PDB file of N, CA and C in Angstrom:
ATOM      1  N   MET A   1      75.915  94.176 151.953  1.00  0.00           N
ATOM      2  CA  MET A   1      76.528  93.629 150.992  1.00  0.00           C
ATOM      3  C   MET A   1      76.158  93.670 149.615  1.00  0.00           C
ATOM      4  N   ALA A   2      74.769  93.989 149.552  1.00  0.00           N
ATOM      5  CA  ALA A   2      74.059  94.034 148.158  1.00  0.00           C
ATOM      6  C   ALA A   2      74.579  95.401 147.653  1.00  0.00           C
ATOM      7  N   MET A   3      74.443  96.499 148.732  1.00  0.00           N
ATOM      8  CA  MET A   3      74.729  97.816 148.232  1.00  0.00           C
ATOM      9  C   MET A   3      76.341  97.857 147.661  1.00  0.00           C
ATOM     10  N   GLU A   4      77.195  97.182 148.315  1.00  0.00           N
ATOM     11  CA  GLU A   4      78.526  97.095 147.955  1.00  0.00           C
ATOM     12  C   GLU A   4      78.701  96.613 146.468  1.00  0.00           C
ATOM     13  N   LYS A   5      77.841  95.413 146.369  1.00  0.00           N
ATOM     14  CA  LYS A   5      77.988  94.950 144.949  1.00  0.00           C
ATOM     15  C   LYS A   5      77.426  95.697 143.907  1.00  0.00           C
ATOM     16  N   PHE A   6      76.372  96.308 144.161  1.00  0.00           N
ATOM     17  CA  PHE A   6      75.645  97.335 143.147  1.00  0.00           C
ATOM     18  C   PHE A   6      76.751  98.484 142.797  1.00  0.00           C
ATOM     19  N   GLU A   7      77.409  99.086 143.880  1.00  0.00           N
ATOM     20  CA  GLU A   7      78.349 100.157 143.831  1.00  0.00           C
ATOM     21  C   GLU A   7      79.624  99.502 142.776  1.00  0.00           C
ATOM     22  N   SER A   8      79.966  98.395 143.076  1.00  0.00           N
ATOM     23  CA  SER A   8      81.129  97.684 142.192  1.00  0.00           C
ATOM     24  C   SER A   8      80.777  97.492 140.796  1.00  0.00           C
ATOM     25  N   VAL A   9      79.391  97.020 140.665  1.00  0.00           N
ATOM     26  CA  VAL A   9      78.966  96.940 139.320  1.00  0.00           C
ATOM     27  C   VAL A   9      78.808  98.314 138.592  1.00  0.00           C
ATOM     28  N   CYS A  10      78.335  99.147 139.407  1.00  0.00           N
ATOM     29  CA  CYS A  10      78.285 100.608 138.812  1.00  0.00           C
ATOM     30  C   CYS A  10      79.637 101.138 138.399  1.00  0.00           C
ATOM     31  N   GLU A  11      80.487 100.716 139.334  1.00  0.00           N
ATOM     32  CA  GLU A  11      81.927 101.286 138.906  1.00  0.00           C
ATOM     33  C   GLU A  11      82.543 100.571 137.798  1.00  0.00           C
ATOM     34  N   GLU A  12      82.273  99.429 137.547  1.00  0.00           N
ATOM     35  CA  GLU A  12      82.771  98.579 136.575  1.00  0.00           C
ATOM     36  C   GLU A  12      82.051  99.145 135.209  1.00  0.00           C
ATOM     37  N   LEU A  13      80.876  99.356 135.190  1.00  0.00           N
ATOM     38  CA  LEU A  13      79.942  99.832 134.130  1.00  0.00           C
ATOM     39  C   LEU A  13      80.548 101.374 133.678  1.00  0.00           C
ATOM     40  N   SER A  14      80.878 102.014 134.715  1.00  0.00           N
ATOM     41  CA  SER A  14      81.384 103.306 134.321  1.00  0.00           C
ATOM     42  C   SER A  14      82.859 103.281 133.553  1.00  0.00           C
ATOM     43  N   SER A  15      83.516 102.368 134.347  1.00  0.00           N
ATOM     44  CA  SER A  15      84.814 102.282 133.561  1.00  0.00           C
ATOM     45  C   SER A  15      84.662 101.749 132.146  1.00  0.00           C
ATOM     46  N   ALA A  16      83.850 100.635 132.154  1.00  0.00           N
ATOM     47  CA  ALA A  16      83.559 100.044 130.691  1.00  0.00           C
ATOM     48  C   ALA A  16      82.979 101.307 129.633  1.00  0.00           C
ATOM     49  N   LEU A  17      82.232 102.215 130.039  1.00  0.00           N
ATOM     50  CA  LEU A  17      81.607 103.150 129.372  1.00  0.00           C
ATOM     51  C   LEU A  17      82.656 104.260 128.963  1.00  0.00           C
ATOM     52  N   LYS A  18      83.613 104.533 129.789  1.00  0.00           N
ATOM     53  CA  LYS A  18      84.969 105.365 129.667  1.00  0.00           C
ATOM     54  C   LYS A  18      85.751 104.698 128.534  1.00  0.00           C
ATOM     55  N   ARG A  19      85.840 103.332 128.495  1.00  0.00           N
ATOM     56  CA  ARG A  19      86.898 102.636 127.484  1.00  0.00           C
ATOM     57  C   ARG A  19      86.170 102.802 126.329  1.00  0.00           C
ATOM     58  N   GLU A  20      84.875 102.678 126.360  1.00  0.00           N
ATOM     59  CA  GLU A  20      84.082 102.625 124.982  1.00  0.00           C
ATOM     60  C   GLU A  20      84.034 103.968 124.460  1.00  0.00           C
ATOM     61  N   GLU A  21      83.883 105.045 125.285  1.00  0.00           N
ATOM     62  CA  GLU A  21      83.932 106.263 124.644  1.00  0.00           C
ATOM     63  C   GLU A  21      85.573 106.724 124.100  1.00  0.00           C
ATOM     64  N   THR A  22      86.383 106.226 124.742  1.00  0.00           N
ATOM     65  CA  THR A  22      87.843 106.428 124.271  1.00  0.00           C
ATOM     66  C   THR A  22      87.949 105.659 123.115  1.00  0.00           C
ATOM     67  N   ALA A  23      87.513 104.447 122.915  1.00  0.00           N
ATOM     68  CA  ALA A  23      87.627 103.616 121.767  1.00  0.00           C
ATOM     69  C   ALA A  23      86.911 104.448 120.455  1.00  0.00           C
ATOM     70  N   GLN A  24      85.650 104.839 120.850  1.00  0.00           N
ATOM     71  CA  GLN A  24      84.912 105.590 119.946  1.00  0.00           C
ATOM     72  C   GLN A  24      85.630 106.876 119.218  1.00  0.00           C
ATOM     73  N   GLN A  25      86.542 107.404 120.236  1.00  0.00           N
ATOM     74  CA  GLN A  25      87.206 108.719 119.876  1.00  0.00           C
ATOM     75  C   GLN A  25      88.381 108.154 119.086  1.00  0.00           C
ATOM     76  N   LEU A  26      88.992 107.088 119.335  1.00  0.00           N
ATOM     77  CA  LEU A  26      90.129 106.700 118.526  1.00  0.00           C
ATOM     78  C   LEU A  26      89.525 106.386 117.120  1.00  0.00           C
ATOM     79  N   LEU A  27      88.584 105.807 117.147  1.00  0.00           N
ATOM     80  CA  LEU A  27      88.064 105.167 115.840  1.00  0.00           C
ATOM     81  C   LEU A  27      87.595 106.502 114.839  1.00  0.00           C
ATOM     82  N   VAL A  28      87.089 107.639 115.438  1.00  0.00           N
ATOM     83  CA  VAL A  28      86.694 108.765 114.821  1.00  0.00           C
ATOM     84  C   VAL A  28      87.993 109.219 114.139  1.00  0.00           C
ATOM     85  N   GLU A  29      89.009 109.557 115.256  1.00  0.00           N
ATOM     86  CA  GLU A  29      90.321 110.052 114.744  1.00  0.00           C
ATOM     87  C   GLU A  29      91.074 109.166 113.582  1.00  0.00           C
ATOM     88  N   GLN A  30      90.915 107.889 113.715  1.00  0.00           N
ATOM     89  CA  GLN A  30      91.607 106.933 112.671  1.00  0.00           C
ATOM     90  C   GLN A  30      90.641 107.306 111.466  1.00  0.00           C
ATOM     91  N   GLY A  31      89.323 107.310 111.593  1.00  0.00           N
ATOM     92  CA  GLY A  31      88.806 107.595 110.351  1.00  0.00           C
ATOM     93  C   GLY A  31      88.946 108.878 109.569  1.00  0.00           C
ATOM     94  N   ARG A  32      89.353 109.901 110.463  1.00  0.00           N
ATOM     95  CA  ARG A  32      89.692 111.271 110.051  1.00  0.00           C
ATOM     96  C   ARG A  32      90.980 111.091 109.312  1.00  0.00           C
ATOM     97  N   GLN A  33      91.889 110.407 109.954  1.00  0.00           N
ATOM     98  CA  GLN A  33      93.247 110.286 109.334  1.00  0.00           C
ATOM     99  C   GLN A  33      93.091 109.260 107.903  1.00  0.00           C
ATOM    100  N   VAL A  34      92.451 108.387 108.015  1.00  0.00           N
ATOM    101  CA  VAL A  34      92.211 107.660 106.798  1.00  0.00           C
ATOM    102  C   VAL A  34      91.589 108.551 105.580  1.00  0.00           C
ATOM    103  N   ASP A  35      90.406 109.597 105.929  1.00  0.00           N
ATOM    104  CA  ASP A  35      90.190 110.411 104.962  1.00  0.00           C
ATOM    105  C   ASP A  35      91.208 111.224 104.429  1.00  0.00           C
ATOM    106  N   GLU A  36      91.984 111.677 105.647  1.00  0.00           N
ATOM    107  CA  GLU A  36      93.117 112.646 105.019  1.00  0.00           C
ATOM    108  C   GLU A  36      94.090 112.107 104.153  1.00  0.00           C
ATOM    109  N   MET A  37      94.496 110.815 104.428  1.00  0.00           N
ATOM    110  CA  MET A  37      95.465 110.034 103.625  1.00  0.00           C
ATOM    111  C   MET A  37      94.790 109.826 102.219  1.00  0.00           C
ATOM    112  N   ALA A  38      93.480 109.474 102.068  1.00  0.00           N
ATOM    113  CA  ALA A  38      92.934 109.123 100.698  1.00  0.00           C
ATOM    114  C   ALA A  38      92.823 110.472  99.965  1.00  0.00           C
ATOM    115  N   THR A  39      92.607 111.711 100.667  1.00  0.00           N
ATOM    116  CA  THR A  39      92.557 112.957  99.938  1.00  0.00           C
ATOM    117  C   THR A  39      94.091 113.250  99.391  1.00  0.00           C
ATOM    118  N   ARG A  40      95.075 112.992 100.111  1.00  0.00           N
ATOM    119  CA  ARG A  40      96.535 113.111  99.886  1.00  0.00           C
ATOM    120  C   ARG A  40      96.985 112.207  98.462  1.00  0.00           C
ATOM    121  N   LEU A  41      96.444 110.963  98.724  1.00  0.00           N
ATOM    122  CA  LEU A  41      96.762 110.225  97.836  1.00  0.00           C
ATOM    123  C   LEU A  41      95.931 110.463  96.364  1.00  0.00           C
ATOM    124  N   ASP A  42      94.729 111.029  96.383  1.00  0.00           N
ATOM    125  CA  ASP A  42      94.146 111.438  95.206  1.00  0.00           C
ATOM    126  C   ASP A  42      94.846 112.564  94.618  1.00  0.00           C
ATOM    127  N   ALA A  43      95.505 113.528  95.566  1.00  0.00           N
ATOM    128  CA  ALA A  43      96.292 114.764  95.070  1.00  0.00           C
ATOM    129  C   ALA A  43      97.337 114.241  94.480  1.00  0.00           C
ATOM    130  N   PHE A  44      98.103 113.252  95.006  1.00  0.00           N
ATOM    131  CA  PHE A  44      99.312 112.844  94.301  1.00  0.00           C
ATOM    132  C   PHE A  44      98.978 112.106  93.114  1.00  0.00           C
ATOM    133  N   SER A  45      97.998 111.292  92.961  1.00  0.00           N
ATOM    134  CA  SER A  45      97.608 110.626  91.928  1.00  0.00           C
ATOM    135  C   SER A  45      97.262 111.718  90.874  1.00  0.00           C
ATOM    136  N   TYR A  46      96.572 112.613  91.033  1.00  0.00           N
ATOM    137  CA  TYR A  46      96.262 113.758  90.004  1.00  0.00           C
ATOM    138  C   TYR A  46      97.593 114.497  89.537  1.00  0.00           C
ATOM    139  N   GLU A  47      98.373 114.527  90.557  1.00  0.00           N
ATOM    140  CA  GLU A  47      99.774 115.268  90.094  1.00  0.00           C
ATOM    141  C   GLU A  47     100.432 114.360  89.238  1.00  0.00           C
ATOM    142  N   GLY A  48     100.445 113.143  89.405  1.00  0.00           N
ATOM    143  CA  GLY A  48     101.225 112.083  88.507  1.00  0.00           C
ATOM    144  C   GLY A  48     100.287 112.064  87.238  1.00  0.00           C
ATOM    145  N   ARG A  49      99.172 112.312  87.126  1.00  0.00           N
ATOM    146  CA  ARG A  49      98.536 112.005  85.839  1.00  0.00           C
ATOM    147  C   ARG A  49      98.800 113.583  85.022  1.00  0.00           C
ATOM    148  N   GLU A  50      98.772 114.636  85.733  1.00  0.00           N
ATOM    149  CA  GLU A  50      99.179 115.895  85.134  1.00  0.00           C
ATOM    150  C   GLU A  50     100.836 115.869  84.668  1.00  0.00           C
ATOM    151  N   LYS A  51     101.494 115.350  85.472  1.00  0.00           N
ATOM    152  CA  LYS A  51     102.938 115.294  85.091  1.00  0.00           C
ATOM    153  C   LYS A  51     103.072 114.392  83.839  1.00  0.00           C
ATOM    154  N   GLU A  52     102.461 113.127  83.771  1.00  0.00           N
ATOM    155  CA  GLU A  52     102.292 112.326  82.707  1.00  0.00           C
ATOM    156  C   GLU A  52     101.920 112.920  81.324  1.00  0.00           C
ATOM    157  N   HIS A  53     100.727 113.755  81.531  1.00  0.00           N
ATOM    158  CA  HIS A  53     100.291 114.478  80.471  1.00  0.00           C
ATOM    159  C   HIS A  53     101.168 115.408  79.811  1.00  0.00           C
ATOM    160  N   THR A  54     101.674 116.293  80.822  1.00  0.00           N
ATOM    161  CA  THR A  54     102.716 117.309  80.403  1.00  0.00           C
ATOM    162  C   THR A  54     103.882 116.608  79.677  1.00  0.00           C
ATOM    163  N   LEU A  55     104.413 115.756  80.229  1.00  0.00           N
ATOM    164  CA  LEU A  55     105.566 114.855  79.508  1.00  0.00           C
ATOM    165  C   LEU A  55     105.014 114.332  78.118  1.00  0.00           C
ATOM    166  N   SER A  56     104.005 113.854  77.954  1.00  0.00           N
ATOM    167  CA  SER A  56     103.501 113.303  76.840  1.00  0.00           C
ATOM    168  C   SER A  56     103.277 114.413  75.655  1.00  0.00           C
ATOM    169  N   GLU A  57     102.897 115.615  75.981  1.00  0.00           N
ATOM    170  CA  GLU A  57     102.648 116.697  75.288  1.00  0.00           C
ATOM    171  C   GLU A  57     104.132 117.231  74.975  1.00  0.00           C
ATOM    172  N   ALA A  58     104.996 117.295  75.997  1.00  0.00           N
ATOM    173  CA  ALA A  58     106.345 117.751  75.424  1.00  0.00           C
ATOM    174  C   ALA A  58     107.164 116.863  74.688  1.00  0.00           C
ATOM    175  N   ILE A  59     106.918 115.500  74.782  1.00  0.00           N
ATOM    176  CA  ILE A  59     107.344 114.634  73.770  1.00  0.00           C
ATOM    177  C   ILE A  59     106.779 114.971  72.255  1.00  0.00           C
ATOM    178  N   GLN A  60     105.449 115.245  72.282  1.00  0.00           N
ATOM    179  CA  GLN A  60     104.873 115.380  70.952  1.00  0.00           C
ATOM    180  C   GLN A  60     105.533 116.667  70.427  1.00  0.00           C
ATOM    181  N   VAL A  61     105.779 117.799  71.283  1.00  0.00           N
ATOM    182  CA  VAL A  61     106.256 118.885  70.711  1.00  0.00           C
ATOM    183  C   VAL A  61     107.553 118.712  70.163  1.00  0.00           C
ATOM    184  N   GLY A  62     108.347 117.908  70.833  1.00  0.00           N
ATOM    185  CA  GLY A  62     109.740 117.608  70.515  1.00  0.00           C
ATOM    186  C   GLY A  62     109.829 116.738  69.256  1.00  0.00           C
ATOM    187  N   ARG A  63     108.791 116.074  68.970  1.00  0.00           N
ATOM    188  CA  ARG A  63     108.723 115.320  67.681  1.00  0.00           C
ATOM    189  C   ARG A  63     108.472 116.214  66.565  1.00  0.00           C
ATOM    190  N   HIS A  64     107.451 117.146  66.728  1.00  0.00           N
ATOM    191  CA  HIS A  64     107.147 118.114  65.809  1.00  0.00           C
ATOM    192  C   HIS A  64     108.383 119.110  65.540  1.00  0.00           C
ATOM    193  N   LEU A  65     109.131 119.389  66.390  1.00  0.00           N
ATOM    194  CA  LEU A  65     110.507 120.264  66.370  1.00  0.00           C
ATOM    195  C   LEU A  65     111.323 119.595  65.422  1.00  0.00           C
ATOM    196  N   VAL A  66     111.605 118.165  65.540  1.00  0.00           N
ATOM    197  CA  VAL A  66     112.458 117.502  64.803  1.00  0.00           C
ATOM    198  C   VAL A  66     111.860 117.577  63.391  1.00  0.00           C
ATOM    199  N   ILE A  67     110.755 117.431  63.380  1.00  0.00           N
ATOM    200  CA  ILE A  67     109.997 117.316  61.804  1.00  0.00           C
ATOM    201  C   ILE A  67     110.348 118.630  61.236  1.00  0.00           C
ATOM    202  N   TRP A  68     110.048 119.733  61.934  1.00  0.00           N
ATOM    203  CA  TRP A  68     110.144 120.895  61.350  1.00  0.00           C
ATOM    204  C   TRP A  68     111.784 121.479  61.143  1.00  0.00           C
ATOM    205  N   LYS A  69     112.529 120.795  62.067  1.00  0.00           N
ATOM    206  CA  LYS A  69     113.998 121.205  61.777  1.00  0.00           C
ATOM    207  C   LYS A  69     114.519 120.358  60.383  1.00  0.00           C
ATOM    208  N   SER A  70     113.829 119.262  60.301  1.00  0.00           N
ATOM    209  CA  SER A  70     114.175 118.582  59.014  1.00  0.00           C
ATOM    210  C   SER A  70     113.792 119.298  57.623  1.00  0.00           C
ATOM    211  N   PHE A  71     112.491 119.771  57.833  1.00  0.00           N
ATOM    212  CA  PHE A  71     111.747 120.537  56.735  1.00  0.00           C
ATOM    213  C   PHE A  71     112.733 121.709  56.519  1.00  0.00           C
ATOM    214  N   ILE A  72     112.929 122.583  57.567  1.00  0.00           N
ATOM    215  CA  ILE A  72     113.635 123.803  57.189  1.00  0.00           C
ATOM    216  C   ILE A  72     114.958 123.620  56.687  1.00  0.00           C
ATOM    217  N   SER A  73     115.734 122.485  57.110  1.00  0.00           N
ATOM    218  CA  SER A  73     116.856 122.233  56.582  1.00  0.00           C
ATOM    219  C   SER A  73     116.816 121.910  55.253  1.00  0.00           C
ATOM    220  N   ARG A  74     116.026 121.051  54.819  1.00  0.00           N
ATOM    221  CA  ARG A  74     115.666 120.667  53.333  1.00  0.00           C
ATOM    222  C   ARG A  74     115.388 122.002  52.562  1.00  0.00           C
ATOM    223  N   LEU A  75     114.537 122.898  53.022  1.00  0.00           N
ATOM    224  CA  LEU A  75     114.293 124.210  52.445  1.00  0.00           C
ATOM    225  C   LEU A  75     115.386 125.042  52.220  1.00  0.00           C
ATOM    226  N   TYR A  76     116.173 124.989  53.357  1.00  0.00           N
ATOM    227  CA  TYR A  76     117.505 125.969  53.213  1.00  0.00           C
ATOM    228  C   TYR A  76     118.258 125.301  52.075  1.00  0.00           C
ATOM    229  N   SER A  77     118.534 124.120  52.050  1.00  0.00           N
ATOM    230  CA  SER A  77     119.212 123.383  51.080  1.00  0.00           C
ATOM    231  C   SER A  77     118.686 123.689  49.697  1.00  0.00           C
ATOM    232  N   GLU A  78     117.350 123.698  49.464  1.00  0.00           N
ATOM    233  CA  GLU A  78     117.033 123.949  48.283  1.00  0.00           C
ATOM    234  C   GLU A  78     117.121 125.383  47.764  1.00  0.00           C
ATOM    235  N   VAL A  79     116.977 126.231  48.787  1.00  0.00           N
ATOM    236  CA  VAL A  79     117.228 127.798  48.615  1.00  0.00           C
ATOM    237  C   VAL A  79     118.580 127.966  48.085  1.00  0.00           C
ATOM    238  N   LEU A  80     119.631 127.346  48.838  1.00  0.00           N
ATOM    239  CA  LEU A  80     120.930 127.523  48.352  1.00  0.00           C
ATOM    240  C   LEU A  80     121.243 126.977  46.951  1.00  0.00           C
ATOM    241  N   LEU A  81     120.826 125.858  46.911  1.00  0.00           N
ATOM    242  CA  LEU A  81     120.777 125.410  45.493  1.00  0.00           C
ATOM    243  C   LEU A  81     120.195 126.114  44.409  1.00  0.00           C
ATOM    244  N   SER A  82     119.204 126.632  44.734  1.00  0.00           N
ATOM    245  CA  SER A  82     118.503 127.684  43.670  1.00  0.00           C
ATOM    246  C   SER A  82     119.245 128.927  43.467  1.00  0.00           C
ATOM    247  N   SER A  83     119.845 129.256  44.749  1.00  0.00           N
ATOM    248  CA  SER A  83     120.593 130.562  44.499  1.00  0.00           C
ATOM    249  C   SER A  83     121.831 130.183  43.704  1.00  0.00           C
ATOM    250  N   TYR A  84     122.359 129.061  44.023  1.00  0.00           N
ATOM    251  CA  TYR A  84     123.722 128.814  43.207  1.00  0.00           C
ATOM    252  C   TYR A  84     123.232 128.585  41.802  1.00  0.00           C
ATOM    253  N   LEU A  85     122.429 128.033  41.409  1.00  0.00           N
ATOM    254  CA  LEU A  85     121.940 127.793  40.110  1.00  0.00           C
ATOM    255  C   LEU A  85     121.696 129.276  39.373  1.00  0.00           C
ATOM    256  N   CYS A  86     121.031 130.035  39.981  1.00  0.00           N
ATOM    257  CA  CYS A  86     120.803 131.325  39.559  1.00  0.00           C
ATOM    258  C   CYS A  86     121.996 132.169  39.228  1.00  0.00           C
ATOM    259  N   LEU A  87     123.020 131.934  40.202  1.00  0.00           N
ATOM    260  CA  LEU A  87     124.416 132.491  39.896  1.00  0.00           C
ATOM    261  C   LEU A  87     125.160 131.866  38.680  1.00  0.00           C
ATOM    262  N   VAL A  88     124.952 130.571  38.522  1.00  0.00           N
ATOM    263  CA  VAL A  88     125.487 129.909  37.569  1.00  0.00           C
ATOM    264  C   VAL A  88     124.925 130.366  36.119  1.00  0.00           C
ATOM    265  N   ILE A  89     123.642 130.317  36.227  1.00  0.00           N
ATOM    266  CA  ILE A  89     122.901 130.587  34.897  1.00  0.00           C
ATOM    267  C   ILE A  89     123.203 132.101  34.613  1.00  0.00           C
ATOM    268  N   SER A  90     123.218 132.944  35.277  1.00  0.00           N
ATOM    269  CA  SER A  90     123.446 134.437  35.084  1.00  0.00           C
ATOM    270  C   SER A  90     124.874 134.469  34.557  1.00  0.00           C
TER     271      SER A  90
END
């Protein structure tokens, strides 16, 4: 009887050890997945910051273009006026 009980306890301990090993493997896999997701999130965050920076630069360039367009338009008007005055004076 004692030997049967001992074997039964050994089987239970063996089963418990297998369950523990399976649980450890699942935890390692979940940890790997969390690390992978964190890496992907960092990449998306970086891409978002890069896009935001690029958009900000594009807006600045657009503003500068508007200013230059206005300047060139005024300059062109002055050149036309100067040309007209030169013709009138001549």
